Protein backbone atom coordinates (compact mmCIF):
# COMPACT_ATOMS: atom_id res chain seq x y z
CA UNK A 1 17.11 1.29 -7.07
CA UNK A 2 13.85 2.90 -8.50
CA UNK A 3 11.47 0.14 -9.90
CA UNK A 4 9.08 0.93 -13.05
CA UNK A 5 6.01 -0.98 -12.03
CA UNK A 6 5.90 -3.87 -9.24
CA UNK A 7 3.34 -6.66 -8.30
CA UNK A 8 0.37 -6.47 -6.27
CA UNK A 9 0.88 -8.81 -3.04
CA UNK A 10 -1.64 -10.79 -1.64
CA UNK A 11 -1.70 -13.79 0.69
CA UNK A 12 -3.90 -16.83 0.03
CA UNK A 13 -2.37 -18.87 2.83
CA UNK A 14 -4.32 -18.98 6.22
CA UNK A 15 -1.52 -17.32 7.96
CA UNK A 16 -0.13 -13.49 8.01
CA UNK A 17 3.01 -13.03 6.50
CA UNK A 18 5.53 -10.72 6.37
CA UNK A 19 7.24 -8.94 3.52
CA UNK A 20 8.40 -6.10 1.86
CA UNK A 21 5.29 -5.49 0.53
CA UNK A 22 4.12 -5.11 4.11
CA UNK A 23 1.81 -6.99 6.14
CA UNK A 24 -0.39 -9.87 3.93
CA UNK A 25 -3.59 -10.32 5.93
CA UNK A 26 -4.57 -14.16 5.47
CA UNK A 27 -7.05 -15.30 3.05
CA UNK A 28 -6.63 -12.29 0.65
CA UNK A 29 -7.53 -10.14 3.55
CA UNK A 30 -5.96 -7.02 2.08
CA UNK A 31 -3.87 -6.17 -1.20
CA UNK A 32 -0.86 -3.91 -1.44
CA UNK A 33 1.13 -2.04 -4.30
CA UNK A 34 3.95 0.39 -5.00
CA UNK A 35 3.47 3.02 -7.97
CA UNK A 36 2.43 6.19 -8.11
CA UNK A 37 0.53 5.11 -11.66
CA UNK A 38 0.12 7.76 -14.08
CA UNK A 39 2.71 9.78 -12.21
CA UNK A 40 5.49 7.76 -12.40
CA UNK A 41 8.12 8.61 -15.20
CA UNK A 42 9.28 5.17 -15.42
CA UNK A 43 5.40 4.41 -17.40
CA UNK A 44 5.22 7.94 -18.85
CA UNK A 45 8.22 6.68 -21.00
CA UNK A 46 8.29 2.75 -20.18
CA UNK A 47 10.67 2.33 -23.39
CA UNK A 48 13.16 4.48 -21.92
CA UNK A 49 13.22 6.78 -25.12
CA UNK A 50 14.60 9.66 -22.92
CA UNK A 51 15.97 8.43 -19.80
CA UNK A 52 19.13 6.43 -19.32
CA UNK A 53 22.71 6.56 -17.98
CA UNK A 54 23.30 10.22 -17.14
CA UNK A 55 19.83 11.47 -17.14
CA UNK A 56 19.77 14.54 -14.62
CA UNK A 57 16.65 13.74 -12.06
CA UNK A 58 15.11 15.12 -8.80
CA UNK A 59 16.16 12.78 -5.99
CA UNK A 60 15.36 12.94 -2.60
CA UNK A 61 15.03 17.22 -2.37
CA UNK A 62 18.04 17.98 -4.93
CA UNK A 63 19.48 17.07 -8.20
CA UNK A 64 21.28 14.00 -8.98
CA UNK A 65 21.63 11.72 -11.99
CA UNK A 66 20.80 8.14 -13.17
CA UNK A 67 24.31 6.19 -13.26
CA UNK A 68 23.24 2.64 -14.56
CA UNK A 69 20.90 0.23 -14.73
CA UNK A 70 19.70 -0.67 -11.03
CA UNK A 71 19.51 -4.37 -9.84
CA UNK A 72 17.66 -7.23 -11.71
CA UNK A 73 17.04 -4.71 -14.55
CA UNK A 74 14.92 -6.80 -17.02
CA UNK A 75 11.99 -4.49 -18.48
CA UNK A 76 9.22 -7.13 -20.10
CA UNK A 77 6.35 -6.13 -22.12
CA UNK A 78 4.04 -8.73 -20.95
CA UNK A 79 0.91 -8.23 -23.81
CA UNK A 80 -2.41 -9.19 -22.87
CA UNK A 81 -6.28 -9.52 -23.77
CA UNK A 82 -7.79 -6.22 -24.27
CA UNK A 83 -4.99 -4.19 -24.37
CA UNK A 84 -3.77 -5.27 -21.12
CA UNK A 85 -0.23 -4.45 -21.54
CA UNK A 86 2.01 -4.66 -18.61
CA UNK A 87 5.64 -3.08 -18.20
CA UNK A 88 7.43 -3.70 -15.86
CA UNK A 89 11.13 -4.81 -14.74
CA UNK A 90 13.26 -1.25 -15.41
CA UNK A 91 15.06 -0.40 -12.31
CA UNK A 92 17.44 2.26 -11.73
CA UNK A 93 20.66 2.87 -10.23
CA UNK A 94 20.71 6.86 -9.15
CA UNK A 95 23.32 8.89 -7.14
CA UNK A 96 22.93 12.34 -5.52
CA UNK A 97 24.34 14.53 -2.63
CA UNK A 98 22.88 12.99 0.33
CA UNK A 99 23.60 16.20 2.50
CA UNK A 100 21.85 18.41 0.06
CA UNK A 101 18.66 16.17 0.48
CA UNK A 102 16.09 16.71 2.83
CA UNK A 103 13.57 14.64 4.62
CA UNK A 104 10.71 15.62 2.79
CA UNK A 105 11.79 13.12 0.06
CA UNK A 106 13.61 10.74 1.77
CA UNK A 107 13.25 9.15 4.93
CA UNK A 108 14.02 5.80 6.75
CA UNK A 109 10.87 3.15 7.28
CA UNK A 110 10.47 -0.33 8.45
CA UNK A 111 8.24 -3.14 7.61
CA UNK A 112 7.18 -5.17 10.48
CA UNK A 113 8.30 -8.67 10.49
CA UNK A 114 10.90 -8.01 7.87
CA UNK A 115 13.15 -5.33 8.24
CA UNK A 116 14.47 -1.59 7.08
CA UNK A 117 14.21 0.13 3.82
CA UNK A 118 14.51 3.77 2.90
CA UNK A 119 11.59 5.76 0.97
CA UNK A 120 13.40 8.02 -1.82
CA UNK A 121 11.61 10.54 -3.98
CA UNK A 122 12.43 10.51 -7.71
CA UNK A 123 11.46 12.76 -10.48
CA UNK A 124 12.31 12.53 -14.13
CA UNK A 125 11.80 15.69 -16.79
CA UNK A 126 10.82 13.58 -20.10
CA UNK A 127 11.15 15.72 -22.80
CA UNK A 128 8.47 15.79 -25.71
CA UNK A 129 10.42 15.32 -28.61
CA UNK A 130 7.90 13.38 -30.73
CA UNK A 131 4.57 11.93 -30.93
CA UNK A 132 5.38 8.78 -29.50
CA UNK A 133 6.87 10.61 -26.13
CA UNK A 134 3.52 12.56 -26.30
CA UNK A 135 1.47 9.48 -26.19
CA UNK A 136 3.37 7.60 -23.43
CA UNK A 137 3.56 10.70 -20.82
CA UNK A 138 -0.59 11.04 -21.85
CA UNK A 139 -1.12 7.54 -20.35
CA UNK A 140 -4.10 7.44 -17.73
CA UNK A 141 -4.06 4.76 -14.75
CA UNK A 142 -6.94 3.17 -16.45
CA UNK A 143 -4.89 1.85 -19.03
CA UNK A 144 -1.67 0.89 -16.71
CA UNK A 145 -1.84 -2.64 -15.85
CA UNK A 146 0.39 -4.50 -12.94
CA UNK A 147 -0.38 -8.17 -12.09
CA UNK A 148 -1.74 -9.33 -8.71
CA UNK A 149 0.85 -11.83 -7.42
CA UNK A 150 0.28 -14.49 -4.29
CA UNK A 151 3.14 -13.70 -1.94
CA UNK A 152 2.34 -17.00 0.71
CA UNK A 153 4.48 -18.85 -2.20
CA UNK A 154 8.16 -18.70 -0.68
CA UNK A 155 9.99 -19.11 -4.22
CA UNK A 156 10.74 -17.11 -7.12
CA UNK A 157 7.85 -18.71 -9.34
CA UNK A 158 5.12 -16.93 -7.35
CA UNK A 159 1.67 -17.39 -9.26
CA UNK A 160 -0.44 -14.71 -10.79
CA UNK A 161 -3.98 -14.50 -10.08
CA UNK A 162 -4.78 -11.86 -12.84
CA UNK A 163 -4.20 -7.99 -13.89
CA UNK A 164 -5.28 -5.01 -12.53
CA UNK A 165 -5.40 -1.42 -13.57
CA UNK A 166 -3.98 1.93 -11.51
CA UNK A 167 -7.49 3.57 -11.98
CA UNK A 168 -9.11 0.27 -9.98
CA UNK A 169 -6.29 -0.02 -7.31
CA UNK A 170 -6.76 3.83 -6.54
CA UNK A 171 -10.52 3.24 -5.66
CA UNK A 172 -9.40 1.42 -2.88
CA UNK A 173 -10.75 -2.35 -3.76
CA UNK A 174 -10.06 -4.92 -6.06
CA UNK A 175 -12.19 -8.08 -7.12
CA UNK A 176 -9.92 -11.40 -6.96
CA UNK A 177 -11.84 -14.59 -7.38
CA UNK A 178 -15.10 -13.23 -6.91
CA UNK A 179 -13.98 -12.00 -3.32
CA UNK A 180 -13.67 -8.02 -2.74
CA UNK A 181 -10.22 -7.40 -1.77
CA UNK A 182 -9.01 -3.87 0.46
CA UNK A 183 -5.98 -2.05 -1.44
CA UNK A 184 -3.88 -0.16 0.10
CA UNK A 185 -0.34 1.60 -1.46
CA UNK A 186 3.33 1.76 -0.30
CA UNK A 187 3.47 5.37 -2.12
CA UNK A 188 2.26 8.38 -2.05
CA UNK A 189 0.35 9.88 -4.59
CA UNK A 190 0.26 13.13 -3.24
CA UNK A 191 3.79 13.56 -2.53
CA UNK A 192 4.45 12.14 -6.27
CA UNK A 193 2.18 15.31 -7.71
CA UNK A 194 4.32 17.68 -5.17
CA UNK A 195 7.47 16.12 -6.31
CA UNK A 196 6.28 16.85 -10.25
CA UNK A 197 5.40 20.35 -9.04
CA UNK A 198 8.51 21.19 -7.66
CA UNK A 199 10.63 19.48 -10.54
CA UNK A 200 8.26 21.65 -13.05
CA UNK A 201 8.95 24.99 -10.86
CA UNK A 202 12.85 24.39 -10.83
CA UNK A 203 13.02 23.85 -14.66
CA UNK A 204 10.77 27.12 -15.15
CA UNK A 205 13.45 29.01 -13.33
CA UNK A 206 16.27 27.61 -14.96
CA UNK A 207 17.21 25.58 -11.65
CA UNK A 208 17.44 22.57 -13.46
CA UNK A 209 18.79 21.76 -16.95
CA UNK A 210 17.76 19.00 -18.94
CA UNK A 211 20.30 16.58 -19.63
CA UNK A 212 20.58 14.06 -22.62
CA UNK A 213 21.55 10.48 -21.79
CA UNK A 214 25.21 9.80 -22.34
CA UNK A 215 23.85 6.18 -23.24
CA UNK A 216 20.57 3.94 -23.31
CA UNK A 217 19.93 1.09 -21.12
CA UNK A 218 20.36 -2.04 -23.05
CA UNK A 219 17.97 -4.30 -24.59
CA UNK A 220 17.42 -7.82 -24.44
CA UNK A 221 18.73 -7.90 -21.00
CA UNK A 222 17.85 -11.58 -19.04
CA UNK A 223 17.17 -11.79 -15.91
CA UNK A 224 19.35 -14.58 -14.24
CA UNK A 225 18.19 -15.04 -10.51
CA UNK A 226 20.17 -17.24 -8.12
CA UNK A 227 19.14 -21.18 -8.32
CA UNK A 228 17.15 -22.15 -5.13
CA UNK A 229 18.50 -25.47 -3.55
CA UNK A 230 16.18 -27.30 -1.14
C-alpha cells in the first residue's frame, strides 16, 4: 500500500505516544515524516497521468505491477496561500514475486509500542509524454508541501498545525508555534536514489519495459471511514 504523501506527525500532549509513525515525544519533542519528496514518483506524477492499474514497477528488487488503488485511496488537492498546494491521499496496491525480491529493498520492521510493519522499496517509471508531465517530474522539495498533524488526539479528526515543505523537513528542524522541533524521516532518501538509479539502468539495458496502464485510477473517490462509537 504505497502512499502518495503523508502527514508530519507530532505530539502536543505531556506524555510519550507510540504510533505507526514511530515514537512521538511529549510537548512536540520531535516530528516524524515519511516520503522521499522530490524523488517520489507519486509526487512527480501527482495527478496519475501515467500511473494506473497495470503499470509495471520496481518492487522490492524485482519487477511487479500496480494491481488496483490502495487502501483508503482518496487523492486530494488541498490549496493554500502562497502556492502551498498539498497532494495527498493517493495509494497503490501492488503485486510481485516475493521469491525474486531482495532484502536490500524489502525488510521487516517493528515500531516500539505499536507493532510490526514492512518496509518496501518502490520505483515507478514516468514517461515524459508532454510538458505537463515534464513539469511534474521537475518538481523540487521546496515546492512539495505536507501537513503537520497532532497525533495526541486519538480520533480521525486530528488538528493540523500548519504546512511544511520537504526542503524544510530535510534540513532536520522545523518551527511549529515558534518552537524549534527536530525532524526524522522514516523513509530513506539514499535508498530512493539507489532505486531510481537501478530502475534507470534496467530500462536502458532493455530489461525493464514500460507498460501503459490498462485503466486509470477513478477520479472523485470519497473517503468513508468507519464511524467511531464512544
